[in-house]
Amino acid sequence: MAKVITQTIDIPVGVTRWWITKMRETNETFANPLNEIFSNKANNFTMTQSLLANGKTRMTTINKFATLEDYNRYVAFMAPFVTARDAYNAANNIDYTEATTEE
């Protein structure tokens, strides 16, 4: 069974997502460890975008991990940043939800 993390992010007009901010701060290297995880083509990452009636842009990302090891690597990588991400989202009126399921 694959672990799947689904993230839904509703972003106000003119606000930059935390992820983009972090990439800029690190000269585009922040995601390098995740790129390694997703270089395993059995793992899958998709992103969709839509405009909501309230003017926010909804981004939905689905991270599907073929192995528990890759899922655990992803979670371990993100763990130190969760508090900062959530604080940034709250300060910028970004609605963020995340759910983990199994397929």
N, C-alpha and C. Protein backbone atom coordinates (compact mmCIF):
# COMPACT_ATOMS: atom_id res chain seq x y z
N MET A 1 0.84 -1.19 0.00
CA MET A 1 0.00 0.00 0.00
C MET A 1 0.88 1.25 0.00
N ALA A 2 0.48 2.22 -0.78
CA ALA A 2 1.22 3.48 -0.89
C ALA A 2 0.66 4.50 0.10
N LYS A 3 1.55 5.28 0.68
CA LYS A 3 1.15 6.42 1.50
C LYS A 3 0.95 7.62 0.58
N VAL A 4 -0.12 8.37 0.84
CA VAL A 4 -0.45 9.53 0.02
C VAL A 4 -0.67 10.73 0.93
N ILE A 5 0.04 11.81 0.67
CA ILE A 5 -0.16 13.06 1.40
C ILE A 5 -0.83 14.03 0.43
N THR A 6 -2.01 14.52 0.82
CA THR A 6 -2.73 15.51 0.02
C THR A 6 -2.74 16.83 0.77
N GLN A 7 -2.22 17.86 0.13
CA GLN A 7 -2.16 19.19 0.73
C GLN A 7 -3.03 20.14 -0.09
N THR A 8 -3.88 20.88 0.61
CA THR A 8 -4.71 21.89 -0.03
C THR A 8 -4.34 23.24 0.55
N ILE A 9 -3.97 24.16 -0.34
CA ILE A 9 -3.48 25.47 0.08
C ILE A 9 -4.29 26.53 -0.66
N ASP A 10 -5.00 27.37 0.10
CA ASP A 10 -5.78 28.47 -0.48
C ASP A 10 -5.02 29.77 -0.22
N ILE A 11 -4.55 30.39 -1.30
CA ILE A 11 -3.63 31.51 -1.22
C ILE A 11 -4.30 32.80 -1.69
N PRO A 12 -4.28 33.85 -0.85
CA PRO A 12 -4.84 35.13 -1.28
C PRO A 12 -4.05 35.74 -2.44
N VAL A 13 -4.70 36.59 -3.20
CA VAL A 13 -4.06 37.31 -4.30
C VAL A 13 -2.88 38.11 -3.75
N GLY A 14 -1.76 38.04 -4.44
CA GLY A 14 -0.60 38.84 -4.07
C GLY A 14 0.27 38.25 -2.98
N VAL A 15 -0.08 37.08 -2.47
CA VAL A 15 0.69 36.44 -1.41
C VAL A 15 1.52 35.31 -2.02
N THR A 16 2.76 35.22 -1.59
CA THR A 16 3.65 34.16 -2.05
C THR A 16 3.58 32.99 -1.09
N ARG A 17 3.46 31.79 -1.65
CA ARG A 17 3.43 30.59 -0.81
C ARG A 17 4.72 30.45 -0.01
N TRP A 18 4.62 29.81 1.16
CA TRP A 18 5.78 29.56 2.01
C TRP A 18 6.86 28.82 1.23
N TRP A 19 6.45 27.82 0.47
CA TRP A 19 7.41 26.98 -0.26
C TRP A 19 8.27 27.83 -1.20
N ILE A 20 7.64 28.72 -1.93
CA ILE A 20 8.36 29.59 -2.86
C ILE A 20 9.30 30.52 -2.09
N THR A 21 8.83 31.04 -0.98
CA THR A 21 9.66 31.90 -0.13
C THR A 21 10.90 31.14 0.34
N LYS A 22 10.70 29.91 0.78
CA LYS A 22 11.81 29.09 1.26
C LYS A 22 12.79 28.77 0.14
N MET A 23 12.27 28.50 -1.06
CA MET A 23 13.16 28.24 -2.19
C MET A 23 14.00 29.47 -2.51
N ARG A 24 13.40 30.64 -2.46
CA ARG A 24 14.15 31.88 -2.74
C ARG A 24 15.23 32.11 -1.68
N GLU A 25 14.89 31.84 -0.42
CA GLU A 25 15.85 32.03 0.67
C GLU A 25 17.06 31.11 0.54
N THR A 26 16.88 29.97 -0.10
CA THR A 26 17.95 28.96 -0.17
C THR A 26 18.55 28.87 -1.58
N ASN A 27 18.36 29.91 -2.38
CA ASN A 27 18.89 29.92 -3.73
C ASN A 27 18.45 28.68 -4.52
N GLU A 28 17.16 28.34 -4.35
CA GLU A 28 16.50 27.25 -5.08
C GLU A 28 17.01 25.85 -4.71
N THR A 29 17.68 25.71 -3.57
CA THR A 29 18.22 24.39 -3.19
C THR A 29 17.39 23.68 -2.13
N PHE A 30 16.41 24.35 -1.57
CA PHE A 30 15.63 23.79 -0.46
C PHE A 30 15.04 22.41 -0.81
N ALA A 31 14.55 22.26 -2.01
CA ALA A 31 13.85 21.03 -2.38
C ALA A 31 14.77 19.91 -2.86
N ASN A 32 16.06 20.12 -2.88
CA ASN A 32 16.96 19.10 -3.40
C ASN A 32 16.76 17.72 -2.75
N PRO A 33 16.62 17.62 -1.43
CA PRO A 33 16.38 16.29 -0.84
C PRO A 33 15.07 15.67 -1.32
N LEU A 34 14.07 16.49 -1.57
CA LEU A 34 12.80 15.96 -2.06
C LEU A 34 12.90 15.55 -3.52
N ASN A 35 13.68 16.27 -4.28
CA ASN A 35 13.90 15.89 -5.68
C ASN A 35 14.51 14.49 -5.75
N GLU A 36 15.38 14.19 -4.80
CA GLU A 36 15.99 12.86 -4.75
C GLU A 36 14.92 11.79 -4.48
N ILE A 37 14.02 12.07 -3.55
CA ILE A 37 12.95 11.12 -3.25
C ILE A 37 12.09 10.88 -4.49
N PHE A 38 11.74 11.95 -5.19
CA PHE A 38 10.86 11.82 -6.35
C PHE A 38 11.60 11.43 -7.63
N SER A 39 12.93 11.28 -7.53
CA SER A 39 13.65 10.72 -8.68
C SER A 39 13.32 9.23 -8.82
N ASN A 40 12.83 8.63 -7.72
CA ASN A 40 12.27 7.27 -7.80
C ASN A 40 10.93 7.40 -8.51
N LYS A 41 10.87 6.99 -9.75
CA LYS A 41 9.68 7.20 -10.57
C LYS A 41 8.46 6.44 -10.06
N ALA A 42 8.65 5.54 -9.10
CA ALA A 42 7.49 4.85 -8.51
C ALA A 42 6.73 5.81 -7.58
N ASN A 43 7.42 6.86 -7.11
CA ASN A 43 6.76 7.91 -6.33
C ASN A 43 6.15 8.89 -7.32
N ASN A 44 5.10 9.57 -6.90
CA ASN A 44 4.40 10.46 -7.82
C ASN A 44 4.02 11.75 -7.11
N PHE A 45 4.24 12.86 -7.77
CA PHE A 45 3.90 14.18 -7.25
C PHE A 45 3.06 14.88 -8.32
N THR A 46 1.87 15.36 -7.93
CA THR A 46 1.04 16.13 -8.86
C THR A 46 0.56 17.39 -8.16
N MET A 47 0.32 18.42 -8.97
CA MET A 47 -0.19 19.68 -8.44
C MET A 47 -1.25 20.20 -9.39
N THR A 48 -2.35 20.66 -8.82
CA THR A 48 -3.39 21.31 -9.61
C THR A 48 -3.69 22.66 -8.99
N GLN A 49 -4.26 23.54 -9.79
CA GLN A 49 -4.53 24.90 -9.35
C GLN A 49 -5.89 25.33 -9.87
N SER A 50 -6.63 26.05 -9.02
CA SER A 50 -7.93 26.58 -9.44
C SER A 50 -8.19 27.89 -8.72
N LEU A 51 -9.05 28.71 -9.31
CA LEU A 51 -9.43 29.98 -8.71
C LEU A 51 -10.74 29.79 -7.95
N LEU A 52 -10.77 30.21 -6.69
CA LEU A 52 -11.96 30.08 -5.87
C LEU A 52 -12.84 31.32 -5.98
N ALA A 53 -14.10 31.19 -5.62
CA ALA A 53 -15.05 32.30 -5.68
C ALA A 53 -14.62 33.46 -4.77
N ASN A 54 -13.89 33.17 -3.69
CA ASN A 54 -13.45 34.22 -2.77
C ASN A 54 -12.19 34.93 -3.25
N GLY A 55 -11.70 34.58 -4.45
CA GLY A 55 -10.54 35.23 -5.01
C GLY A 55 -9.22 34.54 -4.72
N LYS A 56 -9.21 33.61 -3.78
CA LYS A 56 -7.98 32.89 -3.47
C LYS A 56 -7.71 31.86 -4.56
N THR A 57 -6.45 31.51 -4.70
CA THR A 57 -6.04 30.44 -5.60
C THR A 57 -5.85 29.17 -4.77
N ARG A 58 -6.48 28.10 -5.18
CA ARG A 58 -6.33 26.82 -4.49
C ARG A 58 -5.29 25.98 -5.23
N MET A 59 -4.29 25.56 -4.47
CA MET A 59 -3.30 24.63 -4.99
C MET A 59 -3.47 23.32 -4.22
N THR A 60 -3.60 22.27 -4.97
CA THR A 60 -3.71 20.94 -4.36
C THR A 60 -2.52 20.12 -4.83
N THR A 61 -1.75 19.64 -3.87
CA THR A 61 -0.63 18.77 -4.22
C THR A 61 -0.90 17.39 -3.66
N ILE A 62 -0.55 16.41 -4.45
CA ILE A 62 -0.70 15.02 -4.03
C ILE A 62 0.67 14.36 -4.17
N ASN A 63 1.18 13.89 -3.04
CA ASN A 63 2.47 13.21 -2.97
C ASN A 63 2.19 11.74 -2.68
N LYS A 64 2.46 10.89 -3.64
CA LYS A 64 2.21 9.46 -3.48
C LYS A 64 3.54 8.74 -3.40
N PHE A 65 3.74 8.03 -2.31
CA PHE A 65 5.00 7.36 -2.04
C PHE A 65 4.85 5.85 -2.20
N ALA A 66 5.69 5.28 -3.02
CA ALA A 66 5.62 3.85 -3.31
C ALA A 66 6.14 3.00 -2.14
N THR A 67 7.04 3.61 -1.35
CA THR A 67 7.62 2.85 -0.23
C THR A 67 7.45 3.63 1.07
N LEU A 68 7.35 2.91 2.14
CA LEU A 68 7.28 3.54 3.46
C LEU A 68 8.57 4.29 3.75
N GLU A 69 9.68 3.78 3.27
CA GLU A 69 10.97 4.46 3.46
C GLU A 69 10.96 5.86 2.84
N ASP A 70 10.46 5.98 1.61
CA ASP A 70 10.41 7.29 0.96
C ASP A 70 9.43 8.22 1.68
N TYR A 71 8.30 7.70 2.10
CA TYR A 71 7.34 8.49 2.87
C TYR A 71 8.01 9.01 4.15
N ASN A 72 8.68 8.14 4.87
CA ASN A 72 9.35 8.53 6.12
C ASN A 72 10.45 9.55 5.88
N ARG A 73 11.17 9.43 4.77
CA ARG A 73 12.20 10.43 4.42
C ARG A 73 11.56 11.79 4.18
N TYR A 74 10.43 11.81 3.50
CA TYR A 74 9.72 13.06 3.24
C TYR A 74 9.27 13.70 4.55
N VAL A 75 8.62 12.91 5.39
CA VAL A 75 8.12 13.43 6.67
C VAL A 75 9.27 13.94 7.54
N ALA A 76 10.37 13.21 7.59
CA ALA A 76 11.53 13.63 8.38
C ALA A 76 12.13 14.93 7.84
N PHE A 77 12.17 15.07 6.52
CA PHE A 77 12.70 16.29 5.93
C PHE A 77 11.83 17.49 6.30
N MET A 78 10.52 17.34 6.21
CA MET A 78 9.60 18.45 6.45
C MET A 78 9.42 18.80 7.93
N ALA A 79 9.60 17.84 8.81
CA ALA A 79 9.30 18.02 10.24
C ALA A 79 9.89 19.30 10.85
N PRO A 80 11.16 19.64 10.61
CA PRO A 80 11.71 20.85 11.23
C PRO A 80 11.09 22.15 10.72
N PHE A 81 10.36 22.10 9.61
CA PHE A 81 9.84 23.31 8.99
C PHE A 81 8.35 23.53 9.22
N VAL A 82 7.67 22.57 9.81
CA VAL A 82 6.21 22.64 9.94
C VAL A 82 5.76 23.86 10.74
N THR A 83 6.40 24.13 11.85
CA THR A 83 6.00 25.27 12.69
C THR A 83 6.18 26.58 11.95
N ALA A 84 7.31 26.75 11.27
CA ALA A 84 7.55 27.98 10.51
C ALA A 84 6.56 28.11 9.36
N ARG A 85 6.29 27.01 8.67
CA ARG A 85 5.32 27.03 7.56
C ARG A 85 3.95 27.44 8.07
N ASP A 86 3.51 26.83 9.16
CA ASP A 86 2.19 27.13 9.70
C ASP A 86 2.08 28.57 10.18
N ALA A 87 3.15 29.09 10.79
CA ALA A 87 3.15 30.49 11.24
C ALA A 87 3.09 31.43 10.05
N TYR A 88 3.84 31.13 9.01
CA TYR A 88 3.82 31.95 7.79
C TYR A 88 2.42 31.94 7.18
N ASN A 89 1.83 30.76 7.09
CA ASN A 89 0.48 30.66 6.52
C ASN A 89 -0.53 31.47 7.33
N ALA A 90 -0.47 31.37 8.64
CA ALA A 90 -1.40 32.11 9.50
C ALA A 90 -1.21 33.61 9.34
N ALA A 91 0.03 34.06 9.28
CA ALA A 91 0.32 35.49 9.15
C ALA A 91 -0.10 36.05 7.79
N ASN A 92 -0.22 35.18 6.80
CA ASN A 92 -0.53 35.64 5.45
C ASN A 92 -1.90 35.20 4.95
N ASN A 93 -2.78 34.78 5.88
CA ASN A 93 -4.15 34.40 5.54
C ASN A 93 -4.21 33.26 4.52
N ILE A 94 -3.26 32.34 4.61
CA ILE A 94 -3.23 31.17 3.74
C ILE A 94 -3.89 30.02 4.49
N ASP A 95 -4.90 29.42 3.88
CA ASP A 95 -5.57 28.26 4.47
C ASP A 95 -4.84 27.01 4.00
N TYR A 96 -4.45 26.17 4.96
CA TYR A 96 -3.66 24.98 4.63
C TYR A 96 -4.24 23.77 5.34
N THR A 97 -4.47 22.73 4.59
CA THR A 97 -4.87 21.46 5.21
C THR A 97 -4.00 20.35 4.59
N GLU A 98 -3.82 19.31 5.38
CA GLU A 98 -3.02 18.19 4.93
C GLU A 98 -3.67 16.91 5.47
N ALA A 99 -3.73 15.91 4.62
CA ALA A 99 -4.28 14.61 5.01
C ALA A 99 -3.38 13.51 4.47
N THR A 100 -3.17 12.49 5.28
CA THR A 100 -2.41 11.32 4.85
C THR A 100 -3.35 10.13 4.78
N THR A 101 -3.31 9.45 3.66
CA THR A 101 -4.13 8.26 3.44
C THR A 101 -3.27 7.14 2.88
N GLU A 102 -3.88 6.00 2.70
CA GLU A 102 -3.19 4.87 2.07
C GLU A 102 -4.00 4.40 0.88
N GLU A 103 -3.30 3.98 -0.15
CA GLU A 103 -3.94 3.43 -1.33
C GLU A 103 -3.53 1.99 -1.51
